[in-house]
């Protein structure tokens, strides 16, 4: 694999109260828990020594704070397209609660009433990818789990619904890039979280 081709690093934010409880956290702007802050610092240690042409973060505080604690707050630009999936009426609910009302519901297939469809999240991911691909050099993105899963799927040419195949832990690091040339997008690393404490 060529190391001169662009790599895009995907950093998921640290734990919040709702990531621990399993509640769907879209646009609700929750802070990091103390352990989420610690893992954001550990993510920073994982990224230490790497150089990035640009750093972007979601405007939500869980991503911005992760970015800051990882050591990139002073150089990061906010990108509203990096916000988490808008869960609409399912915001704050557990999957079990949703499935009681809709037993066949699947986020990556059905989206959320009053929120975003997979295609709409995919459109945001495509805009991010388009901007990132216009940058010379490696890029670091701080965002949330379901959005980054869709971005990973779209990077390799899958539909947004393909995000269901890419699980992500909090404070994890993933990398997308290319194999031999720009016509061969690949996942180079996914869901690395060996450095976090639980």
N, C-alpha and C. Protein backbone atom coordinates (compact mmCIF):
# COMPACT_ATOMS: atom_id res chain seq x y z
N UNK A 1 0.84 -1.19 0.00
CA UNK A 1 0.00 0.00 0.00
C UNK A 1 0.88 1.24 0.00
N UNK A 2 0.52 2.19 -0.82
CA UNK A 2 1.26 3.44 -0.87
C UNK A 2 0.94 4.29 0.34
N UNK A 3 1.97 4.88 0.94
CA UNK A 3 1.73 5.76 2.08
C UNK A 3 1.63 7.22 1.65
N UNK A 4 1.82 7.50 0.33
CA UNK A 4 1.74 8.88 -0.13
C UNK A 4 0.30 9.29 -0.44
N UNK A 5 -0.61 8.35 -0.53
CA UNK A 5 -2.01 8.66 -0.78
C UNK A 5 -2.68 9.14 0.50
N UNK A 6 -3.65 10.00 0.35
CA UNK A 6 -4.34 10.58 1.50
C UNK A 6 -4.96 9.52 2.40
N UNK A 7 -4.88 9.77 3.70
CA UNK A 7 -5.59 8.98 4.69
C UNK A 7 -6.49 9.91 5.48
N UNK A 8 -7.70 9.45 5.77
CA UNK A 8 -8.66 10.23 6.56
C UNK A 8 -8.91 9.47 7.85
N UNK A 9 -8.54 10.10 8.95
CA UNK A 9 -8.67 9.50 10.28
C UNK A 9 -10.03 9.88 10.86
N UNK A 10 -10.76 8.89 11.35
CA UNK A 10 -12.10 9.08 11.88
C UNK A 10 -12.08 8.81 13.38
N UNK A 11 -12.31 9.84 14.17
CA UNK A 11 -12.28 9.71 15.62
C UNK A 11 -13.70 9.85 16.18
N UNK A 12 -14.16 8.81 16.87
CA UNK A 12 -15.46 8.90 17.53
C UNK A 12 -15.27 9.52 18.92
N UNK A 13 -16.24 10.30 19.34
CA UNK A 13 -16.17 10.96 20.64
C UNK A 13 -16.16 9.96 21.79
N UNK A 14 -15.73 10.43 22.97
CA UNK A 14 -15.73 9.62 24.17
C UNK A 14 -17.13 9.43 24.73
N UNK A 15 -17.23 8.65 25.81
CA UNK A 15 -18.52 8.29 26.40
C UNK A 15 -19.28 9.48 26.97
N UNK A 16 -20.59 9.44 26.79
CA UNK A 16 -21.54 10.34 27.45
C UNK A 16 -22.49 9.46 28.28
N UNK A 17 -23.35 10.08 29.05
CA UNK A 17 -24.31 9.31 29.84
C UNK A 17 -25.18 8.44 28.93
N UNK A 18 -25.54 8.95 27.77
CA UNK A 18 -26.42 8.18 26.88
C UNK A 18 -25.69 7.10 26.09
N UNK A 19 -24.40 7.26 25.82
CA UNK A 19 -23.71 6.15 25.15
C UNK A 19 -23.57 4.98 26.12
N UNK A 20 -23.43 5.30 27.40
CA UNK A 20 -23.34 4.24 28.42
C UNK A 20 -24.69 3.54 28.58
N UNK A 21 -25.77 4.31 28.59
CA UNK A 21 -27.11 3.73 28.78
C UNK A 21 -27.66 3.09 27.51
N UNK A 22 -27.09 3.45 26.35
CA UNK A 22 -27.56 2.90 25.08
C UNK A 22 -28.67 3.71 24.44
N UNK A 23 -28.92 4.93 24.92
CA UNK A 23 -29.95 5.77 24.34
C UNK A 23 -29.46 6.40 23.04
N UNK A 24 -30.36 6.53 22.09
CA UNK A 24 -30.00 7.16 20.82
C UNK A 24 -29.72 8.65 21.05
N UNK A 25 -28.49 9.04 20.76
CA UNK A 25 -28.05 10.43 20.99
C UNK A 25 -27.72 11.06 19.66
N UNK A 26 -28.68 11.79 19.11
CA UNK A 26 -28.44 12.47 17.86
C UNK A 26 -27.99 13.89 18.10
N UNK A 27 -28.95 14.81 18.11
CA UNK A 27 -28.63 16.23 18.24
C UNK A 27 -28.67 16.72 19.68
N UNK A 28 -29.06 15.87 20.63
CA UNK A 28 -28.99 16.26 22.04
C UNK A 28 -27.53 16.50 22.39
N UNK A 29 -27.23 17.66 22.92
CA UNK A 29 -25.83 18.08 23.08
C UNK A 29 -25.30 17.74 24.48
N UNK A 30 -24.99 16.47 24.68
CA UNK A 30 -24.54 15.98 25.99
C UNK A 30 -23.04 16.15 26.16
N UNK A 31 -22.59 16.40 27.41
CA UNK A 31 -21.14 16.48 27.68
C UNK A 31 -20.54 15.08 27.82
N UNK A 32 -19.24 15.03 27.76
CA UNK A 32 -18.54 13.78 28.04
C UNK A 32 -18.59 13.46 29.53
N UNK A 33 -18.63 12.18 29.85
CA UNK A 33 -18.43 11.74 31.23
C UNK A 33 -16.94 11.84 31.57
N UNK A 34 -16.57 11.82 32.85
CA UNK A 34 -15.15 11.84 33.20
C UNK A 34 -14.34 10.74 32.50
N UNK A 35 -14.90 9.53 32.40
CA UNK A 35 -14.18 8.46 31.70
C UNK A 35 -14.11 8.73 30.20
N UNK A 36 -15.12 9.42 29.67
CA UNK A 36 -15.07 9.83 28.26
C UNK A 36 -13.97 10.84 28.02
N UNK A 37 -13.78 11.74 28.98
CA UNK A 37 -12.68 12.71 28.87
C UNK A 37 -11.33 12.01 28.95
N UNK A 38 -11.20 11.06 29.85
CA UNK A 38 -9.94 10.31 29.97
C UNK A 38 -9.63 9.57 28.68
N UNK A 39 -10.63 8.94 28.09
CA UNK A 39 -10.40 8.21 26.85
C UNK A 39 -10.12 9.14 25.68
N UNK A 40 -10.66 10.36 25.71
CA UNK A 40 -10.32 11.35 24.69
C UNK A 40 -8.84 11.72 24.79
N UNK A 41 -8.34 11.84 26.01
CA UNK A 41 -6.90 12.10 26.20
C UNK A 41 -6.07 10.93 25.68
N UNK A 42 -6.54 9.72 25.94
CA UNK A 42 -5.83 8.52 25.46
C UNK A 42 -5.84 8.46 23.93
N UNK A 43 -6.95 8.88 23.34
CA UNK A 43 -7.01 8.97 21.88
C UNK A 43 -5.95 9.95 21.39
N UNK A 44 -5.79 11.05 22.11
CA UNK A 44 -4.75 12.02 21.76
C UNK A 44 -3.37 11.41 21.80
N UNK A 45 -3.13 10.55 22.79
CA UNK A 45 -1.83 9.85 22.86
C UNK A 45 -1.65 8.95 21.64
N UNK A 46 -2.74 8.30 21.22
CA UNK A 46 -2.70 7.42 20.04
C UNK A 46 -2.35 8.21 18.78
N UNK A 47 -2.81 9.48 18.72
CA UNK A 47 -2.60 10.31 17.54
C UNK A 47 -1.30 11.12 17.60
N UNK A 48 -0.62 11.05 18.73
CA UNK A 48 0.59 11.86 18.94
C UNK A 48 1.63 11.60 17.84
N UNK A 49 2.17 12.70 17.34
CA UNK A 49 3.21 12.61 16.32
C UNK A 49 2.69 12.58 14.89
N UNK A 50 1.39 12.40 14.71
CA UNK A 50 0.83 12.39 13.36
C UNK A 50 0.56 13.82 12.91
N UNK A 51 0.74 14.07 11.63
CA UNK A 51 0.54 15.40 11.06
C UNK A 51 -0.71 15.39 10.19
N UNK A 52 -1.52 16.44 10.31
CA UNK A 52 -2.75 16.54 9.53
C UNK A 52 -2.80 17.88 8.81
N UNK A 53 -3.18 17.84 7.53
CA UNK A 53 -3.34 19.07 6.76
C UNK A 53 -4.53 19.87 7.29
N UNK A 54 -5.58 19.16 7.70
CA UNK A 54 -6.79 19.80 8.24
C UNK A 54 -7.41 18.88 9.29
N UNK A 55 -8.08 19.52 10.26
CA UNK A 55 -8.83 18.81 11.29
C UNK A 55 -10.22 19.43 11.34
N UNK A 56 -11.24 18.59 11.34
CA UNK A 56 -12.63 19.06 11.41
C UNK A 56 -13.35 18.35 12.54
N UNK A 57 -14.30 19.05 13.16
CA UNK A 57 -15.08 18.45 14.22
C UNK A 57 -16.56 18.79 14.06
N UNK A 58 -17.39 17.89 14.51
CA UNK A 58 -18.81 18.16 14.67
C UNK A 58 -18.98 19.33 15.63
N UNK A 59 -20.04 20.13 15.48
CA UNK A 59 -20.27 21.21 16.43
C UNK A 59 -20.80 20.74 17.79
N UNK A 60 -21.20 19.48 17.91
CA UNK A 60 -21.73 18.98 19.18
C UNK A 60 -20.60 18.86 20.20
N UNK A 61 -20.90 19.22 21.46
CA UNK A 61 -19.85 19.33 22.46
C UNK A 61 -19.13 18.01 22.73
N UNK A 62 -19.78 16.88 22.57
CA UNK A 62 -19.09 15.61 22.83
C UNK A 62 -17.95 15.38 21.85
N UNK A 63 -18.14 15.80 20.59
CA UNK A 63 -17.07 15.68 19.60
C UNK A 63 -16.03 16.79 19.76
N UNK A 64 -16.51 18.02 19.98
CA UNK A 64 -15.58 19.15 20.14
C UNK A 64 -14.68 18.96 21.35
N UNK A 65 -15.24 18.48 22.45
CA UNK A 65 -14.44 18.27 23.67
C UNK A 65 -13.45 17.13 23.46
N UNK A 66 -13.86 16.08 22.76
CA UNK A 66 -12.94 14.99 22.44
C UNK A 66 -11.78 15.53 21.61
N UNK A 67 -12.10 16.36 20.63
CA UNK A 67 -11.09 16.99 19.79
C UNK A 67 -10.12 17.82 20.63
N UNK A 68 -10.66 18.62 21.55
CA UNK A 68 -9.82 19.46 22.41
C UNK A 68 -8.91 18.61 23.30
N UNK A 69 -9.49 17.62 23.96
CA UNK A 69 -8.71 16.79 24.88
C UNK A 69 -7.68 15.93 24.16
N UNK A 70 -7.95 15.63 22.89
CA UNK A 70 -6.98 14.88 22.09
C UNK A 70 -5.86 15.77 21.58
N UNK A 71 -6.00 17.10 21.79
CA UNK A 71 -4.91 18.01 21.45
C UNK A 71 -5.07 18.76 20.15
N UNK A 72 -6.28 18.75 19.56
CA UNK A 72 -6.47 19.37 18.25
C UNK A 72 -7.46 20.53 18.25
N UNK A 73 -7.91 20.94 19.42
CA UNK A 73 -8.91 22.00 19.50
C UNK A 73 -8.49 23.30 18.86
N UNK A 74 -7.22 23.65 18.98
CA UNK A 74 -6.76 24.95 18.47
C UNK A 74 -6.65 24.99 16.94
N UNK A 75 -6.64 23.83 16.29
CA UNK A 75 -6.50 23.81 14.83
C UNK A 75 -7.74 23.29 14.11
N UNK A 76 -8.75 22.87 14.87
CA UNK A 76 -9.93 22.25 14.27
C UNK A 76 -10.93 23.29 13.78
N UNK A 77 -11.52 23.01 12.64
CA UNK A 77 -12.63 23.80 12.11
C UNK A 77 -13.92 23.01 12.35
N UNK A 78 -15.00 23.71 12.62
CA UNK A 78 -16.29 23.06 12.84
C UNK A 78 -16.98 22.83 11.51
N UNK A 79 -17.49 21.62 11.32
CA UNK A 79 -18.22 21.27 10.10
C UNK A 79 -19.60 20.75 10.51
N UNK A 80 -20.68 21.50 10.25
CA UNK A 80 -22.01 21.07 10.66
C UNK A 80 -22.45 19.75 10.02
N UNK A 81 -21.85 19.37 8.90
CA UNK A 81 -22.20 18.08 8.28
C UNK A 81 -21.73 16.89 9.10
N UNK A 82 -20.84 17.12 10.08
CA UNK A 82 -20.31 16.02 10.90
C UNK A 82 -21.20 15.69 12.11
N UNK A 83 -22.36 16.36 12.26
CA UNK A 83 -23.23 16.04 13.39
C UNK A 83 -23.75 14.61 13.26
N UNK A 84 -24.18 14.06 14.39
CA UNK A 84 -24.72 12.70 14.41
C UNK A 84 -26.06 12.65 13.67
N UNK A 85 -26.48 11.46 13.34
CA UNK A 85 -27.78 11.17 12.73
C UNK A 85 -28.86 11.86 13.55
N UNK A 86 -29.79 12.51 12.88
CA UNK A 86 -30.95 13.10 13.56
C UNK A 86 -31.98 11.98 13.75
N UNK A 87 -32.17 11.57 15.01
CA UNK A 87 -33.07 10.45 15.30
C UNK A 87 -34.52 10.87 15.44
N UNK A 88 -34.82 12.17 15.32
CA UNK A 88 -36.20 12.61 15.35
C UNK A 88 -36.94 12.12 16.57
N UNK A 89 -38.07 11.43 16.35
CA UNK A 89 -38.90 10.95 17.46
C UNK A 89 -38.23 9.86 18.28
N UNK A 90 -37.14 9.30 17.78
CA UNK A 90 -36.44 8.24 18.50
C UNK A 90 -35.29 8.77 19.37
N UNK A 91 -35.11 10.08 19.37
CA UNK A 91 -34.05 10.68 20.18
C UNK A 91 -34.24 10.32 21.65
N UNK A 92 -33.18 9.85 22.27
CA UNK A 92 -33.21 9.51 23.69
C UNK A 92 -33.78 8.15 24.02
N UNK A 93 -34.28 7.43 23.01
CA UNK A 93 -34.88 6.12 23.26
C UNK A 93 -33.84 5.00 23.12
N UNK A 94 -34.09 3.92 23.83
CA UNK A 94 -33.31 2.70 23.66
C UNK A 94 -33.86 1.92 22.46
N UNK A 95 -33.02 1.14 21.82
CA UNK A 95 -33.49 0.31 20.70
C UNK A 95 -34.65 -0.58 21.14
N UNK A 96 -34.57 -1.13 22.35
CA UNK A 96 -35.64 -2.01 22.85
C UNK A 96 -36.98 -1.28 22.92
N UNK A 97 -36.95 0.00 23.27
CA UNK A 97 -38.19 0.78 23.33
C UNK A 97 -38.77 0.98 21.93
N UNK A 98 -37.90 1.26 20.97
CA UNK A 98 -38.35 1.46 19.59
C UNK A 98 -38.92 0.16 19.04
N UNK A 99 -38.25 -0.95 19.31
CA UNK A 99 -38.66 -2.24 18.76
C UNK A 99 -39.98 -2.73 19.35
N UNK A 100 -40.35 -2.24 20.52
CA UNK A 100 -41.67 -2.59 21.08
C UNK A 100 -42.78 -2.05 20.20
N UNK A 101 -42.56 -0.85 19.64
CA UNK A 101 -43.55 -0.24 18.76
C UNK A 101 -43.39 -0.67 17.31
N UNK A 102 -42.14 -0.88 16.90
CA UNK A 102 -41.85 -1.27 15.51
C UNK A 102 -40.88 -2.46 15.53
N UNK A 103 -41.40 -3.67 15.68
CA UNK A 103 -40.53 -4.85 15.84
C UNK A 103 -39.57 -5.10 14.68
N UNK A 104 -39.90 -4.59 13.50
CA UNK A 104 -39.03 -4.85 12.35
C UNK A 104 -38.11 -3.67 12.03
N UNK A 105 -38.05 -2.65 12.92
CA UNK A 105 -37.29 -1.44 12.64
C UNK A 105 -35.79 -1.70 12.60
N UNK A 106 -35.14 -1.10 11.60
CA UNK A 106 -33.68 -1.12 11.49
C UNK A 106 -33.23 0.28 11.09
N UNK A 107 -32.37 0.88 11.91
CA UNK A 107 -31.94 2.25 11.69
C UNK A 107 -31.38 2.45 10.29
N UNK A 108 -30.45 1.58 9.88
CA UNK A 108 -29.74 1.80 8.62
C UNK A 108 -30.61 1.50 7.40
N UNK A 109 -31.77 0.91 7.61
CA UNK A 109 -32.72 0.70 6.52
C UNK A 109 -33.84 1.73 6.54
N UNK A 110 -34.35 2.02 7.75
CA UNK A 110 -35.59 2.77 7.88
C UNK A 110 -35.40 4.23 8.28
N UNK A 111 -34.28 4.57 8.91
CA UNK A 111 -34.14 5.92 9.43
C UNK A 111 -35.08 6.15 10.59
N UNK A 112 -35.43 7.42 10.82
CA UNK A 112 -36.22 7.77 12.00
C UNK A 112 -37.33 8.74 11.64
N UNK A 113 -38.56 8.49 12.14
CA UNK A 113 -39.65 9.43 11.89
C UNK A 113 -39.34 10.79 12.52
N UNK A 114 -39.53 11.83 11.73
CA UNK A 114 -39.23 13.17 12.22
C UNK A 114 -37.75 13.48 12.23
N UNK A 115 -36.93 12.54 11.78
CA UNK A 115 -35.49 12.71 11.72
C UNK A 115 -34.98 12.44 10.31
N UNK A 116 -33.77 11.89 10.23
CA UNK A 116 -33.15 11.66 8.92
C UNK A 116 -33.31 10.23 8.43
N UNK A 117 -33.37 10.10 7.12
CA UNK A 117 -33.32 8.80 6.46
C UNK A 117 -31.85 8.43 6.24
N UNK A 118 -31.56 7.15 5.98
CA UNK A 118 -30.18 6.78 5.65
C UNK A 118 -29.64 7.59 4.46
N UNK A 119 -30.48 7.81 3.46
CA UNK A 119 -30.03 8.56 2.28
C UNK A 119 -29.63 9.98 2.65
N UNK A 120 -30.37 10.62 3.56
CA UNK A 120 -30.03 11.99 3.97
C UNK A 120 -28.70 12.03 4.72
N UNK A 121 -28.47 11.05 5.58
CA UNK A 121 -27.19 10.99 6.28
C UNK A 121 -26.07 10.72 5.27
N UNK A 122 -26.36 9.86 4.30
CA UNK A 122 -25.39 9.56 3.24
C UNK A 122 -25.03 10.80 2.43
N UNK A 123 -26.01 11.67 2.19
CA UNK A 123 -25.73 12.91 1.46
C UNK A 123 -24.77 13.80 2.25
N UNK A 124 -24.96 13.87 3.56
CA UNK A 124 -24.03 14.66 4.38
C UNK A 124 -22.64 14.04 4.35
N UNK A 125 -22.58 12.71 4.46
CA UNK A 125 -21.29 12.03 4.41
C UNK A 125 -20.59 12.29 3.07
N UNK A 126 -21.36 12.27 1.98
CA UNK A 126 -20.79 12.53 0.66
C UNK A 126 -20.23 13.94 0.57
N UNK A 127 -20.91 14.91 1.19
CA UNK A 127 -20.39 16.28 1.17
C UNK A 127 -19.07 16.36 1.92
N UNK A 128 -19.00 15.69 3.07
CA UNK A 128 -17.75 15.68 3.84
C UNK A 128 -16.64 15.03 3.01
N UNK A 129 -16.94 13.90 2.42
CA UNK A 129 -15.94 13.19 1.61
C UNK A 129 -15.46 14.07 0.47
N UNK A 130 -16.38 14.74 -0.21
CA UNK A 130 -16.01 15.62 -1.32
C UNK A 130 -15.06 16.73 -0.88
N UNK A 131 -15.34 17.32 0.28
CA UNK A 131 -14.46 18.39 0.78
C UNK A 131 -13.10 17.83 1.18
N UNK A 132 -13.11 16.70 1.86
CA UNK A 132 -11.87 16.08 2.35
C UNK A 132 -10.98 15.68 1.17
N UNK A 133 -11.57 15.12 0.14
CA UNK A 133 -10.78 14.67 -1.01
C UNK A 133 -10.14 15.82 -1.77
N UNK A 134 -10.62 17.04 -1.55
CA UNK A 134 -10.02 18.21 -2.18
C UNK A 134 -8.85 18.79 -1.40
N UNK A 135 -8.49 18.15 -0.28
CA UNK A 135 -7.40 18.63 0.57
C UNK A 135 -6.14 17.80 0.29
N UNK A 136 -5.03 18.47 0.14
CA UNK A 136 -3.76 17.76 -0.04
C UNK A 136 -3.23 17.39 1.34
N UNK A 137 -3.10 16.11 1.61
CA UNK A 137 -2.59 15.65 2.90
C UNK A 137 -3.65 14.93 3.71
N UNK A 138 -3.23 14.40 4.84
CA UNK A 138 -4.12 13.63 5.70
C UNK A 138 -5.05 14.54 6.48
N UNK A 139 -6.22 14.01 6.80
CA UNK A 139 -7.27 14.78 7.47
C UNK A 139 -7.77 13.99 8.68
N UNK A 140 -8.14 14.70 9.73
CA UNK A 140 -8.67 14.09 10.95
C UNK A 140 -10.07 14.64 11.19
N UNK A 141 -11.04 13.74 11.39
CA UNK A 141 -12.43 14.11 11.63
C UNK A 141 -12.88 13.61 13.00
N UNK A 142 -13.55 14.46 13.77
CA UNK A 142 -14.15 14.08 15.04
C UNK A 142 -15.67 14.13 14.89
N UNK A 143 -16.32 12.99 15.15
CA UNK A 143 -17.77 12.95 14.99
C UNK A 143 -18.34 11.85 15.87
N UNK A 144 -19.53 11.39 15.49
CA UNK A 144 -20.28 10.41 16.28
C UNK A 144 -20.41 9.09 15.54
N UNK A 145 -20.80 8.06 16.28
CA UNK A 145 -20.75 6.69 15.79
C UNK A 145 -21.52 6.38 14.52
N UNK A 146 -22.82 6.65 14.52
CA UNK A 146 -23.61 6.26 13.35
C UNK A 146 -23.24 7.08 12.12
N UNK A 147 -22.94 8.37 12.31
CA UNK A 147 -22.53 9.17 11.16
C UNK A 147 -21.22 8.64 10.57
N UNK A 148 -20.26 8.34 11.43
CA UNK A 148 -18.97 7.85 10.92
C UNK A 148 -19.11 6.48 10.26
N UNK A 149 -20.04 5.67 10.73
CA UNK A 149 -20.28 4.38 10.09
C UNK A 149 -20.79 4.58 8.66
N UNK A 150 -21.69 5.54 8.49
CA UNK A 150 -22.19 5.85 7.15
C UNK A 150 -21.06 6.41 6.29
N UNK A 151 -20.24 7.28 6.86
CA UNK A 151 -19.12 7.84 6.10
C UNK A 151 -18.17 6.73 5.64
N UNK A 152 -17.89 5.78 6.52
CA UNK A 152 -17.03 4.66 6.14
C UNK A 152 -17.62 3.86 4.99
N UNK A 153 -18.92 3.62 5.04
CA UNK A 153 -19.59 2.89 3.97
C UNK A 153 -19.53 3.66 2.65
N UNK A 154 -19.84 4.95 2.71
CA UNK A 154 -19.83 5.76 1.50
C UNK A 154 -18.42 5.89 0.92
N UNK A 155 -17.40 5.94 1.77
CA UNK A 155 -16.02 6.05 1.29
C UNK A 155 -15.67 4.90 0.35
N UNK A 156 -16.12 3.70 0.70
CA UNK A 156 -15.78 2.53 -0.12
C UNK A 156 -16.85 2.20 -1.16
N UNK A 157 -17.80 3.11 -1.35
CA UNK A 157 -18.78 2.96 -2.43
C UNK A 157 -20.04 2.20 -2.08
N UNK A 158 -20.24 1.89 -0.80
CA UNK A 158 -21.48 1.23 -0.39
C UNK A 158 -22.58 2.27 -0.22
N UNK A 159 -23.82 1.82 -0.26
CA UNK A 159 -24.93 2.71 0.10
C UNK A 159 -24.80 3.08 1.57
N UNK A 160 -25.48 4.15 1.97
CA UNK A 160 -25.44 4.58 3.37
C UNK A 160 -25.84 3.45 4.30
N UNK A 161 -26.78 2.61 3.87
CA UNK A 161 -27.24 1.48 4.68
C UNK A 161 -26.11 0.50 5.00
N UNK A 162 -25.05 0.53 4.22
CA UNK A 162 -23.89 -0.32 4.48
C UNK A 162 -23.19 0.01 5.77
N UNK A 163 -23.51 1.15 6.38
CA UNK A 163 -22.95 1.50 7.67
C UNK A 163 -23.27 0.48 8.75
N UNK A 164 -24.30 -0.32 8.53
CA UNK A 164 -24.65 -1.35 9.53
C UNK A 164 -23.54 -2.37 9.71
N UNK A 165 -22.64 -2.49 8.75
CA UNK A 165 -21.55 -3.46 8.83
C UNK A 165 -20.33 -2.95 9.58
N UNK A 166 -20.32 -1.67 9.95
CA UNK A 166 -19.13 -1.04 10.52
C UNK A 166 -19.41 -0.57 11.96
N UNK A 167 -19.23 -1.40 12.93
CA UNK A 167 -19.48 -0.99 14.31
C UNK A 167 -18.35 -0.10 14.81
N UNK A 168 -18.68 0.80 15.75
CA UNK A 168 -17.68 1.73 16.28
C UNK A 168 -17.84 1.87 17.79
N UNK A 169 -16.75 1.77 18.51
CA UNK A 169 -16.74 2.01 19.95
C UNK A 169 -16.45 3.48 20.22
N UNK A 170 -16.80 3.94 21.42
CA UNK A 170 -16.48 5.32 21.78
C UNK A 170 -14.97 5.51 21.87
N UNK A 171 -14.53 6.71 21.52
CA UNK A 171 -13.12 7.11 21.53
C UNK A 171 -12.24 6.23 20.64
N UNK A 172 -12.87 5.59 19.66
CA UNK A 172 -12.11 4.73 18.74
C UNK A 172 -11.54 5.54 17.59
N UNK A 173 -10.57 4.94 16.93
CA UNK A 173 -9.93 5.54 15.77
C UNK A 173 -10.04 4.60 14.58
N UNK A 174 -10.43 5.14 13.45
CA UNK A 174 -10.49 4.38 12.20
C UNK A 174 -9.79 5.20 11.12
N UNK A 175 -9.40 4.53 10.06
CA UNK A 175 -8.73 5.23 8.95
C UNK A 175 -9.28 4.69 7.63
N UNK A 176 -9.68 5.61 6.76
CA UNK A 176 -10.01 5.24 5.39
C UNK A 176 -8.99 5.91 4.48
N UNK A 177 -8.79 5.31 3.32
CA UNK A 177 -7.81 5.84 2.39
C UNK A 177 -7.90 5.10 1.07
N UNK A 178 -6.75 4.78 0.51
CA UNK A 178 -6.69 4.14 -0.81
C UNK A 178 -5.65 3.04 -0.78
N UNK A 179 -5.79 2.09 -1.72
CA UNK A 179 -4.77 1.05 -1.82
C UNK A 179 -3.68 1.49 -2.79
N UNK A 180 -3.86 1.30 -4.09
CA UNK A 180 -2.80 1.65 -5.04
C UNK A 180 -2.96 3.04 -5.63
N UNK A 181 -4.21 3.47 -5.81
CA UNK A 181 -4.46 4.78 -6.42
C UNK A 181 -5.84 5.27 -6.00
N UNK A 182 -6.21 6.46 -6.46
CA UNK A 182 -7.45 7.09 -6.02
C UNK A 182 -8.71 6.36 -6.48
N UNK A 183 -8.57 5.41 -7.39
CA UNK A 183 -9.73 4.64 -7.83
C UNK A 183 -9.97 3.42 -6.94
N UNK A 184 -9.14 3.25 -5.91
CA UNK A 184 -9.25 2.08 -5.03
C UNK A 184 -9.40 2.50 -3.57
N UNK A 185 -10.56 3.06 -3.20
CA UNK A 185 -10.78 3.44 -1.81
C UNK A 185 -10.88 2.20 -0.92
N UNK A 186 -10.29 2.27 0.26
CA UNK A 186 -10.28 1.13 1.17
C UNK A 186 -10.43 1.60 2.62
N UNK A 187 -10.77 0.66 3.48
CA UNK A 187 -10.70 0.86 4.93
C UNK A 187 -9.32 0.36 5.35
N UNK A 188 -8.52 1.24 5.92
CA UNK A 188 -7.16 0.85 6.31
C UNK A 188 -7.08 0.40 7.77
N UNK A 189 -7.98 0.91 8.60
CA UNK A 189 -8.04 0.55 10.02
C UNK A 189 -9.46 0.82 10.48
N UNK A 190 -10.01 -0.07 11.32
CA UNK A 190 -11.37 0.20 11.79
C UNK A 190 -11.51 -0.12 13.27
N UNK A 191 -12.11 0.81 14.01
CA UNK A 191 -12.51 0.64 15.40
C UNK A 191 -11.34 0.26 16.32
N UNK A 192 -10.22 0.91 16.13
CA UNK A 192 -9.08 0.70 17.04
C UNK A 192 -9.37 1.42 18.35
N UNK A 193 -9.47 0.65 19.42
CA UNK A 193 -9.71 1.26 20.74
C UNK A 193 -8.91 0.55 21.82
N UNK A 194 -7.78 0.00 21.44
CA UNK A 194 -6.96 -0.77 22.38
C UNK A 194 -6.43 0.10 23.53
N UNK A 195 -6.43 1.40 23.37
CA UNK A 195 -5.84 2.33 24.33
C UNK A 195 -6.86 2.85 25.34
N UNK A 196 -8.15 2.56 25.16
CA UNK A 196 -9.16 3.13 26.06
C UNK A 196 -9.27 2.32 27.35
N UNK A 197 -9.79 2.98 28.39
CA UNK A 197 -10.08 2.28 29.64
C UNK A 197 -11.59 2.17 29.76
N UNK A 198 -12.06 1.04 30.28
CA UNK A 198 -13.52 0.86 30.40
C UNK A 198 -13.95 1.06 31.84
